C-alpha atoms as a PDB file:
ATOM      1  CA  MET A   1      -6.290-104.437-235.753  1.00  0.00           C
ATOM      2  CA  SER A   2      -3.863-105.932-233.335  1.00  0.00           C
ATOM      3  CA  ALA A   3      -5.060-107.825-230.301  1.00  0.00           C
ATOM      4  CA  ARG A   4      -2.378-106.294-228.104  1.00  0.00           C
ATOM      5  CA  PRO A   5      -2.951-102.894-226.474  1.00  0.00           C
ATOM      6  CA  LYS A   6      -0.237-100.307-226.919  1.00  0.00           C
ATOM      7  CA  ILE A   7       1.988 -99.781-223.891  1.00  0.00           C
ATOM      8  CA  LYS A   8       4.015 -96.646-223.373  1.00  0.00           C
ATOM      9  CA  VAL A   9       7.347 -97.165-221.621  1.00  0.00           C
ATOM     10  CA  ILE A  10       8.503 -94.361-219.331  1.00  0.00           C
ATOM     11  CA  LYS A  11      12.086 -94.422-218.145  1.00  0.00           C
ATOM     12  CA  LYS A  12      12.853 -93.405-214.582  1.00  0.00           C
ATOM     13  CA  ASP A  13      15.548 -90.909-215.566  1.00  0.00           C
ATOM     14  CA  ALA A  14      13.139 -89.042-217.873  1.00  0.00           C
ATOM     15  CA  ASN A  15      10.773 -88.228-214.983  1.00  0.00           C
ATOM     16  CA  LYS A  16      13.472 -86.564-212.907  1.00  0.00           C
ATOM     17  CA  ASP A  17      14.138 -83.925-215.547  1.00  0.00           C
ATOM     18  CA  VAL A  18      10.476 -82.977-215.861  1.00  0.00           C
ATOM     19  CA  GLN A  19       9.867 -82.171-212.189  1.00  0.00           C
ATOM     20  CA  ALA A  20      11.368 -78.900-211.020  1.00  0.00           C
ATOM     21  CA  PRO A  21      12.165 -78.482-207.353  1.00  0.00           C
ATOM     22  CA  ILE A  22       9.623 -76.432-205.439  1.00  0.00           C
ATOM     23  CA  LEU A  23      11.173 -73.477-203.663  1.00  0.00           C
ATOM     24  CA  ILE A  24       9.561 -72.581-200.369  1.00  0.00           C
ATOM     25  CA  GLU A  25      10.234 -69.068-199.189  1.00  0.00           C
ATOM     26  CA  GLU A  26      11.189 -69.222-195.557  1.00  0.00           C
ATOM     27  CA  LYS A  27      10.360 -66.237-193.418  1.00  0.00           C
ATOM     28  CA  THR A  28      12.910 -64.851-191.068  1.00  0.00           C
ATOM     29  CA  THR A  29      11.992 -64.739-187.418  1.00  0.00           C
ATOM     30  CA  GLN A  30      11.826 -60.960-187.599  1.00  0.00           C
ATOM     31  CA  ALA A  31       9.366 -61.039-190.511  1.00  0.00           C
ATOM     32  CA  ALA A  32       7.228 -63.645-188.740  1.00  0.00           C
ATOM     33  CA  ALA A  33       7.176 -61.527-185.585  1.00  0.00           C
ATOM     34  CA  ARG A  34       6.142 -58.453-187.575  1.00  0.00           C
ATOM     35  CA  GLU A  35       3.299 -60.376-189.170  1.00  0.00           C
ATOM     36  CA  MET A  36       2.048 -61.618-185.786  1.00  0.00           C
ATOM     37  CA  VAL A  37       2.207 -58.118-184.279  1.00  0.00           C
ATOM     38  CA  SER A  38       0.334 -56.702-187.258  1.00  0.00           C
ATOM     39  CA  THR A  39      -2.376 -59.342-186.967  1.00  0.00           C
ATOM     40  CA  VAL A  40      -2.904 -58.805-183.242  1.00  0.00           C
ATOM     41  CA  THR A  41      -2.890 -55.022-183.693  1.00  0.00           C
ATOM     42  CA  ASN A  42      -5.634 -55.336-186.304  1.00  0.00           C
ATOM     43  CA  TRP A  43      -7.683 -57.551-183.981  1.00  0.00           C
ATOM     44  CA  VAL A  44      -7.394 -55.046-181.137  1.00  0.00           C
ATOM     45  CA  SER A  45      -8.336 -52.078-183.303  1.00  0.00           C
ATOM     46  CA  ASP A  46     -11.351 -53.964-184.718  1.00  0.00           C
ATOM     47  CA  PHE A  47     -12.488 -54.878-181.207  1.00  0.00           C
ATOM     48  CA  GLN A  48     -12.134 -51.291-180.003  1.00  0.00           C
ATOM     49  CA  GLN A  49     -14.003 -49.912-183.010  1.00  0.00           C
ATOM     50  CA  ARG A  50     -16.910 -52.335-182.498  1.00  0.00           C
ATOM     51  CA  ARG A  51     -17.056 -51.476-178.823  1.00  0.00           C
ATOM     52  CA  ARG A  52     -17.147 -47.743-179.566  1.00  0.00           C
ATOM     53  CA  GLU A  53     -19.970 -48.181-182.075  1.00  0.00           C
ATOM     54  CA  GLU A  54     -22.006 -50.274-179.630  1.00  0.00           C
ATOM     55  CA  THR A  55     -21.506 -47.692-176.865  1.00  0.00           C
ATOM     56  CA  ARG A  56     -22.503 -44.824-179.163  1.00  0.00           C
ATOM     57  CA  GLN A  57     -25.669 -46.657-180.228  1.00  0.00           C
ATOM     58  CA  ALA A  58     -26.572 -47.459-176.621  1.00  0.00           C
ATOM     59  CA  LEU A  59     -26.142 -43.816-175.583  1.00  0.00           C
ATOM     60  CA  GLU A  60     -28.267 -42.594-178.487  1.00  0.00           C
ATOM     61  CA  ILE A  61     -31.059 -44.986-177.534  1.00  0.00           C
ATOM     62  CA  LEU A  62     -30.804 -43.936-173.881  1.00  0.00           C
ATOM     63  CA  PHE A  63     -31.001 -40.232-174.687  1.00  0.00           C
ATOM     64  CA  GLN A  64     -33.864 -40.747-177.156  1.00  0.00           C
ATOM     65  CA  SER A  65     -35.925 -42.520-174.504  1.00  0.00           C
ATOM     66  CA  ASN A  66     -35.196 -39.681-172.003  1.00  0.00           C
ATOM     67  CA  ARG A  67     -36.373 -37.039-174.490  1.00  0.00           C
ATOM     68  CA  GLN A  68     -39.651 -38.862-174.987  1.00  0.00           C
ATOM     69  CA  THR A  69     -40.377 -39.075-171.238  1.00  0.00           C
ATOM     70  CA  ASP A  70     -39.424 -35.390-170.614  1.00  0.00           C
ATOM     71  CA  GLY A  71     -42.124 -34.155-172.986  1.00  0.00           C
ATOM     72  CA  VAL A  72     -44.931 -35.937-171.119  1.00  0.00           C
END
């Protein structure tokens, strides 16, 4: 066995060929605006849906308690 460890030599020009440039897809301002509008629209519809469900549940509880007191 040799006392020297093996060393691998890498040339600088060889590394440049291996790495491919990364392409970043840039959004147009119109596409970005559409995405923002879509996101906010979804938030608003979710908020309205939750509010409707909470109101419906509150009314059901209110009317159930009135039915119980009317029978007494």
